[in-house]
Amino acid sequence: MPLHGLRKVKDAIEDRVNDMNDHLRAIYLQGLSNIAVGTPVLEGMARNGWFLSDGTPLETLPSSASKGGADSLARLARMPDYVLGLNIYYANNLPYINRLNYTDWAIVPGTRGWVNREITQMQTAIRRIK
């Protein structure tokens, strides 16, 4: 005997999973772009040094500087459409990136710990997905 409502239930579950994926992807895109744009800038090498990957973090270094972080933002725009279940990495491998995040002498006042603050905000937003 067939279950008459089974297709509707499966469709509803698929719709919910897709909605959750879209919310999660939007949180990633906003938060990671905030990290790139929030990177203190002198010449733009650090701001342009963010690399997006899934599965494993990249160990790449930027090939050019950009005060606006154009390459970092372009890499972010290539985020997979489906992110549920993926390990997403946004890595900056410049040797001084941790100093920029953790020291008081950051080039732009008030930017100390910007990566940590943004990750905390992203975690809060992810927990609120219903």
N, C-alpha and C. Protein backbone atom coordinates (compact mmCIF):
# COMPACT_ATOMS: atom_id res chain seq x y z
N MET A 1 0.84 -1.17 0.00
CA MET A 1 0.00 0.00 0.00
C MET A 1 0.90 1.25 0.00
N PRO A 2 0.75 2.11 -1.00
CA PRO A 2 1.61 3.30 -1.08
C PRO A 2 1.22 4.34 -0.02
N LEU A 3 2.22 5.09 0.41
CA LEU A 3 1.97 6.19 1.33
C LEU A 3 1.71 7.44 0.50
N HIS A 4 0.49 7.96 0.55
CA HIS A 4 0.09 9.05 -0.33
C HIS A 4 0.80 10.37 -0.04
N GLY A 5 1.18 10.59 1.20
CA GLY A 5 1.82 11.86 1.55
C GLY A 5 3.33 11.82 1.57
N LEU A 6 3.91 10.67 1.23
CA LEU A 6 5.36 10.52 1.33
C LEU A 6 6.11 11.50 0.44
N ARG A 7 5.66 11.72 -0.79
CA ARG A 7 6.33 12.63 -1.70
C ARG A 7 6.31 14.06 -1.15
N LYS A 8 5.19 14.45 -0.54
CA LYS A 8 5.09 15.79 0.05
C LYS A 8 6.05 15.94 1.23
N VAL A 9 6.17 14.89 2.03
CA VAL A 9 7.09 14.93 3.16
C VAL A 9 8.53 15.05 2.66
N LYS A 10 8.89 14.25 1.68
CA LYS A 10 10.24 14.30 1.11
C LYS A 10 10.53 15.67 0.50
N ASP A 11 9.56 16.23 -0.21
CA ASP A 11 9.73 17.57 -0.79
C ASP A 11 9.90 18.63 0.29
N ALA A 12 9.12 18.51 1.36
CA ALA A 12 9.22 19.47 2.47
C ALA A 12 10.59 19.38 3.14
N ILE A 13 11.08 18.17 3.32
CA ILE A 13 12.41 17.98 3.92
C ILE A 13 13.48 18.57 3.00
N GLU A 14 13.39 18.29 1.72
CA GLU A 14 14.36 18.84 0.76
C GLU A 14 14.33 20.36 0.74
N ASP A 15 13.14 20.94 0.79
CA ASP A 15 13.02 22.40 0.82
C ASP A 15 13.67 22.97 2.08
N ARG A 16 13.46 22.30 3.21
CA ARG A 16 14.04 22.77 4.47
C ARG A 16 15.56 22.68 4.44
N VAL A 17 16.09 21.60 3.94
CA VAL A 17 17.54 21.44 3.83
C VAL A 17 18.12 22.52 2.91
N ASN A 18 17.47 22.78 1.80
CA ASN A 18 17.94 23.82 0.87
C ASN A 18 17.89 25.20 1.52
N ASP A 19 16.83 25.47 2.30
CA ASP A 19 16.75 26.75 3.01
C ASP A 19 17.89 26.89 4.03
N MET A 20 18.15 25.83 4.77
CA MET A 20 19.23 25.86 5.75
C MET A 20 20.57 26.09 5.05
N ASN A 21 20.79 25.41 3.93
CA ASN A 21 22.01 25.59 3.17
C ASN A 21 22.15 27.04 2.72
N ASP A 22 21.07 27.62 2.21
CA ASP A 22 21.11 29.00 1.73
C ASP A 22 21.43 29.97 2.87
N HIS A 23 20.84 29.74 4.05
CA HIS A 23 21.13 30.59 5.21
C HIS A 23 22.60 30.46 5.62
N LEU A 24 23.07 29.24 5.69
CA LEU A 24 24.46 29.00 6.08
C LEU A 24 25.42 29.63 5.08
N ARG A 25 25.16 29.46 3.81
CA ARG A 25 26.02 30.04 2.77
C ARG A 25 26.04 31.56 2.87
N ALA A 26 24.89 32.16 3.13
CA ALA A 26 24.82 33.62 3.28
C ALA A 26 25.63 34.09 4.49
N ILE A 27 25.57 33.34 5.58
CA ILE A 27 26.36 33.69 6.77
C ILE A 27 27.84 33.60 6.45
N TYR A 28 28.24 32.53 5.77
CA TYR A 28 29.65 32.39 5.37
C TYR A 28 30.08 33.56 4.48
N LEU A 29 29.30 33.85 3.47
CA LEU A 29 29.68 34.91 2.54
C LEU A 29 29.81 36.26 3.24
N GLN A 30 28.85 36.59 4.08
CA GLN A 30 28.90 37.87 4.78
C GLN A 30 30.07 37.93 5.76
N GLY A 31 30.17 36.89 6.58
CA GLY A 31 31.22 36.89 7.60
C GLY A 31 32.62 36.87 7.02
N LEU A 32 32.83 36.04 6.02
CA LEU A 32 34.17 35.94 5.43
C LEU A 32 34.52 37.19 4.64
N SER A 33 33.54 37.81 4.00
CA SER A 33 33.84 39.08 3.32
C SER A 33 34.16 40.16 4.35
N ASN A 34 33.49 40.13 5.52
CA ASN A 34 33.82 41.07 6.59
C ASN A 34 35.26 40.86 7.08
N ILE A 35 35.69 39.61 7.14
CA ILE A 35 37.07 39.33 7.54
C ILE A 35 38.04 39.93 6.53
N ALA A 36 37.79 39.69 5.25
CA ALA A 36 38.69 40.23 4.22
C ALA A 36 38.72 41.75 4.25
N VAL A 37 37.56 42.37 4.24
CA VAL A 37 37.48 43.83 4.19
C VAL A 37 37.96 44.45 5.50
N GLY A 38 37.81 43.72 6.60
CA GLY A 38 38.25 44.22 7.90
C GLY A 38 39.74 44.07 8.16
N THR A 39 40.44 43.38 7.28
CA THR A 39 41.88 43.19 7.45
C THR A 39 42.58 44.54 7.39
N PRO A 40 43.36 44.89 8.42
CA PRO A 40 44.08 46.15 8.37
C PRO A 40 44.94 46.23 7.12
N VAL A 41 45.01 47.41 6.53
CA VAL A 41 45.69 47.54 5.24
C VAL A 41 46.74 48.65 5.29
N LEU A 42 47.91 48.33 4.80
CA LEU A 42 48.96 49.32 4.55
C LEU A 42 49.18 49.34 3.05
N GLU A 43 49.64 48.21 2.51
CA GLU A 43 49.82 48.09 1.06
C GLU A 43 48.74 47.20 0.43
N GLY A 44 48.10 46.36 1.22
CA GLY A 44 47.02 45.53 0.72
C GLY A 44 47.36 44.07 0.50
N MET A 45 48.56 43.66 0.85
CA MET A 45 48.94 42.27 0.67
C MET A 45 48.13 41.37 1.61
N ALA A 46 47.98 41.77 2.87
CA ALA A 46 47.23 40.95 3.83
C ALA A 46 45.76 40.91 3.45
N ARG A 47 45.19 42.03 3.07
CA ARG A 47 43.77 42.06 2.71
C ARG A 47 43.51 41.23 1.46
N ASN A 48 44.49 41.12 0.61
CA ASN A 48 44.34 40.36 -0.64
C ASN A 48 44.80 38.91 -0.48
N GLY A 49 45.15 38.52 0.75
CA GLY A 49 45.75 37.22 0.98
C GLY A 49 44.83 36.15 1.52
N TRP A 50 43.52 36.33 1.44
CA TRP A 50 42.57 35.33 1.93
C TRP A 50 42.21 34.37 0.81
N PHE A 51 42.27 33.05 1.11
CA PHE A 51 42.00 32.00 0.13
C PHE A 51 40.92 31.07 0.64
N LEU A 52 39.89 30.87 -0.16
CA LEU A 52 38.76 30.00 0.17
C LEU A 52 39.02 28.60 -0.37
N SER A 53 38.69 27.61 0.45
CA SER A 53 38.76 26.22 -0.01
C SER A 53 37.81 25.38 0.83
N ASP A 54 37.52 24.19 0.36
CA ASP A 54 36.76 23.24 1.16
C ASP A 54 37.56 21.94 1.21
N GLY A 55 37.43 21.23 2.30
CA GLY A 55 38.16 19.98 2.47
C GLY A 55 39.45 20.17 3.24
N THR A 56 40.35 20.97 2.71
CA THR A 56 41.62 21.27 3.38
C THR A 56 41.97 22.74 3.12
N PRO A 57 42.63 23.37 4.09
CA PRO A 57 43.02 24.77 3.86
C PRO A 57 44.14 24.87 2.83
N LEU A 58 44.10 25.91 2.03
CA LEU A 58 45.16 26.15 1.06
C LEU A 58 46.37 26.76 1.76
N GLU A 59 47.53 26.54 1.22
CA GLU A 59 48.76 27.10 1.78
C GLU A 59 49.35 28.15 0.84
N THR A 60 48.50 28.77 0.06
CA THR A 60 48.90 29.71 -0.98
C THR A 60 49.18 31.09 -0.39
N LEU A 61 50.06 31.82 -1.04
CA LEU A 61 50.34 33.21 -0.68
C LEU A 61 49.84 34.11 -1.80
N PRO A 62 49.43 35.33 -1.47
CA PRO A 62 48.94 36.23 -2.52
C PRO A 62 50.06 36.62 -3.47
N SER A 63 49.68 36.85 -4.72
CA SER A 63 50.68 37.25 -5.71
C SER A 63 50.68 38.75 -5.94
N SER A 64 49.69 39.45 -5.39
CA SER A 64 49.63 40.90 -5.57
C SER A 64 48.91 41.54 -4.39
N ALA A 65 49.14 42.82 -4.24
CA ALA A 65 48.48 43.60 -3.20
C ALA A 65 47.23 44.26 -3.78
N SER A 66 46.25 44.47 -2.91
CA SER A 66 45.05 45.21 -3.29
C SER A 66 44.46 45.79 -2.02
N LYS A 67 44.43 47.10 -1.92
CA LYS A 67 43.89 47.72 -0.71
C LYS A 67 42.41 47.41 -0.53
N GLY A 68 41.71 47.09 -1.60
CA GLY A 68 40.31 46.72 -1.50
C GLY A 68 40.09 45.22 -1.31
N GLY A 69 41.15 44.43 -1.45
CA GLY A 69 41.04 42.98 -1.30
C GLY A 69 40.33 42.29 -2.45
N ALA A 70 40.51 42.82 -3.66
CA ALA A 70 39.78 42.32 -4.83
C ALA A 70 39.95 40.82 -5.05
N ASP A 71 41.16 40.31 -4.95
CA ASP A 71 41.38 38.89 -5.18
C ASP A 71 40.72 38.04 -4.09
N SER A 72 40.82 38.48 -2.84
CA SER A 72 40.19 37.74 -1.74
C SER A 72 38.69 37.66 -1.94
N LEU A 73 38.07 38.77 -2.31
CA LEU A 73 36.62 38.79 -2.51
C LEU A 73 36.22 37.98 -3.74
N ALA A 74 37.05 37.99 -4.78
CA ALA A 74 36.75 37.18 -5.97
C ALA A 74 36.83 35.69 -5.64
N ARG A 75 37.80 35.30 -4.81
CA ARG A 75 37.90 33.90 -4.40
C ARG A 75 36.68 33.50 -3.57
N LEU A 76 36.24 34.40 -2.73
CA LEU A 76 35.08 34.13 -1.89
C LEU A 76 33.82 33.94 -2.73
N ALA A 77 33.72 34.67 -3.82
CA ALA A 77 32.56 34.56 -4.71
C ALA A 77 32.46 33.18 -5.35
N ARG A 78 33.53 32.41 -5.32
CA ARG A 78 33.52 31.06 -5.89
C ARG A 78 33.16 29.99 -4.85
N MET A 79 32.54 30.42 -3.76
CA MET A 79 32.10 29.45 -2.75
C MET A 79 31.11 28.48 -3.37
N PRO A 80 31.21 27.20 -3.02
CA PRO A 80 30.25 26.22 -3.57
C PRO A 80 28.81 26.62 -3.23
N ASP A 81 27.89 26.25 -4.11
CA ASP A 81 26.48 26.54 -3.86
C ASP A 81 25.95 25.74 -2.68
N TYR A 82 26.44 24.52 -2.53
CA TYR A 82 25.97 23.66 -1.45
C TYR A 82 27.09 23.52 -0.42
N VAL A 83 26.87 24.06 0.78
CA VAL A 83 27.93 24.07 1.80
C VAL A 83 27.63 23.19 3.01
N LEU A 84 26.39 22.71 3.14
CA LEU A 84 26.08 21.84 4.27
C LEU A 84 26.97 20.60 4.23
N GLY A 85 27.61 20.33 5.36
CA GLY A 85 28.46 19.16 5.45
C GLY A 85 29.88 19.38 4.96
N LEU A 86 30.17 20.56 4.40
CA LEU A 86 31.53 20.84 3.93
C LEU A 86 32.34 21.53 5.04
N ASN A 87 33.62 21.27 5.06
CA ASN A 87 34.54 22.05 5.88
C ASN A 87 35.03 23.19 5.01
N ILE A 88 34.62 24.41 5.33
CA ILE A 88 35.00 25.58 4.56
C ILE A 88 36.17 26.26 5.27
N TYR A 89 37.20 26.59 4.51
CA TYR A 89 38.38 27.27 5.05
C TYR A 89 38.56 28.59 4.33
N TYR A 90 38.94 29.60 5.09
CA TYR A 90 39.28 30.91 4.54
C TYR A 90 40.59 31.27 5.21
N ALA A 91 41.68 30.95 4.57
CA ALA A 91 43.00 31.03 5.18
C ALA A 91 43.82 32.17 4.61
N ASN A 92 44.61 32.77 5.48
CA ASN A 92 45.57 33.78 5.08
C ASN A 92 46.92 33.31 5.62
N ASN A 93 47.84 33.02 4.72
CA ASN A 93 49.11 32.39 5.10
C ASN A 93 50.27 33.36 5.21
N LEU A 94 49.98 34.65 5.19
CA LEU A 94 51.07 35.60 5.39
C LEU A 94 51.60 35.46 6.81
N PRO A 95 52.91 35.52 6.99
CA PRO A 95 53.49 35.24 8.31
C PRO A 95 53.09 36.24 9.39
N TYR A 96 52.60 37.40 9.02
CA TYR A 96 52.26 38.42 10.01
C TYR A 96 50.75 38.57 10.25
N ILE A 97 49.93 37.69 9.67
CA ILE A 97 48.48 37.85 9.80
C ILE A 97 48.02 37.73 11.26
N ASN A 98 48.63 36.83 12.03
CA ASN A 98 48.25 36.70 13.44
C ASN A 98 48.61 37.94 14.24
N ARG A 99 49.75 38.55 13.92
CA ARG A 99 50.12 39.80 14.61
C ARG A 99 49.10 40.89 14.31
N LEU A 100 48.64 40.96 13.07
CA LEU A 100 47.63 41.96 12.73
C LEU A 100 46.35 41.73 13.54
N ASN A 101 46.00 40.48 13.75
CA ASN A 101 44.77 40.17 14.47
C ASN A 101 44.90 40.39 15.97
N TYR A 102 46.07 40.15 16.53
CA TYR A 102 46.20 40.13 17.98
C TYR A 102 46.95 41.29 18.61
N THR A 103 47.53 42.20 17.86
CA THR A 103 48.31 43.26 18.48
C THR A 103 47.57 44.58 18.48
N ASP A 104 47.94 45.43 19.43
CA ASP A 104 47.31 46.75 19.56
C ASP A 104 47.82 47.72 18.51
N TRP A 105 48.93 47.44 17.88
CA TRP A 105 49.49 48.41 16.92
C TRP A 105 48.95 48.21 15.52
N ALA A 106 47.82 47.53 15.40
CA ALA A 106 47.22 47.34 14.08
C ALA A 106 47.08 48.69 13.39
N ILE A 107 47.21 48.66 12.09
CA ILE A 107 47.24 49.88 11.27
C ILE A 107 45.97 50.69 11.41
N VAL A 108 44.84 50.04 11.49
CA VAL A 108 43.57 50.73 11.62
C VAL A 108 43.08 50.57 13.06
N PRO A 109 42.93 51.67 13.80
CA PRO A 109 42.49 51.55 15.20
C PRO A 109 41.15 50.82 15.29
N GLY A 110 41.02 50.01 16.33
CA GLY A 110 39.77 49.30 16.56
C GLY A 110 39.63 47.99 15.81
N THR A 111 40.67 47.59 15.07
CA THR A 111 40.57 46.35 14.31
C THR A 111 41.13 45.15 15.07
N ARG A 112 41.70 45.36 16.24
CA ARG A 112 42.31 44.26 16.97
C ARG A 112 41.31 43.13 17.19
N GLY A 113 41.68 41.93 16.78
CA GLY A 113 40.86 40.76 16.98
C GLY A 113 39.66 40.68 16.04
N TRP A 114 39.74 41.35 14.90
CA TRP A 114 38.60 41.38 13.98
C TRP A 114 38.21 39.99 13.49
N VAL A 115 39.17 39.10 13.30
CA VAL A 115 38.85 37.75 12.83
C VAL A 115 38.05 37.01 13.90
N ASN A 116 38.51 37.07 15.14
CA ASN A 116 37.83 36.39 16.23
C ASN A 116 36.42 36.94 16.43
N ARG A 117 36.26 38.26 16.38
CA ARG A 117 34.93 38.86 16.54
C ARG A 117 33.99 38.38 15.45
N GLU A 118 34.47 38.34 14.22
CA GLU A 118 33.61 37.95 13.10
C GLU A 118 33.24 36.47 13.19
N ILE A 119 34.16 35.63 13.58
CA ILE A 119 33.86 34.20 13.73
C ILE A 119 32.82 33.99 14.83
N THR A 120 32.95 34.72 15.92
CA THR A 120 31.96 34.64 17.00
C THR A 120 30.58 35.05 16.50
N GLN A 121 30.51 36.12 15.72
CA GLN A 121 29.23 36.56 15.16
C GLN A 121 28.66 35.52 14.20
N MET A 122 29.53 34.91 13.41
CA MET A 122 29.07 33.87 12.49
C MET A 122 28.53 32.67 13.27
N GLN A 123 29.23 32.26 14.33
CA GLN A 123 28.77 31.13 15.14
C GLN A 123 27.39 31.42 15.74
N THR A 124 27.19 32.63 16.22
CA THR A 124 25.90 33.02 16.80
C THR A 124 24.81 32.95 15.72
N ALA A 125 25.09 33.47 14.54
CA ALA A 125 24.11 33.46 13.45
C ALA A 125 23.79 32.02 13.03
N ILE A 126 24.78 31.16 13.00
CA ILE A 126 24.56 29.76 12.61
C ILE A 126 23.67 29.06 13.64
N ARG A 127 23.91 29.33 14.91
CA ARG A 127 23.08 28.70 15.96
C ARG A 127 21.62 29.15 15.87
N ARG A 128 21.38 30.30 15.28
CA ARG A 128 20.01 30.83 15.19
C ARG A 128 19.25 30.31 13.96
N ILE A 129 19.94 29.58 13.09
CA ILE A 129 19.24 29.02 11.93
C ILE A 129 18.23 28.00 12.43
N LYS A 130 17.01 28.18 12.00
CA LYS A 130 15.94 27.25 12.43
C LYS A 130 15.26 26.67 11.22
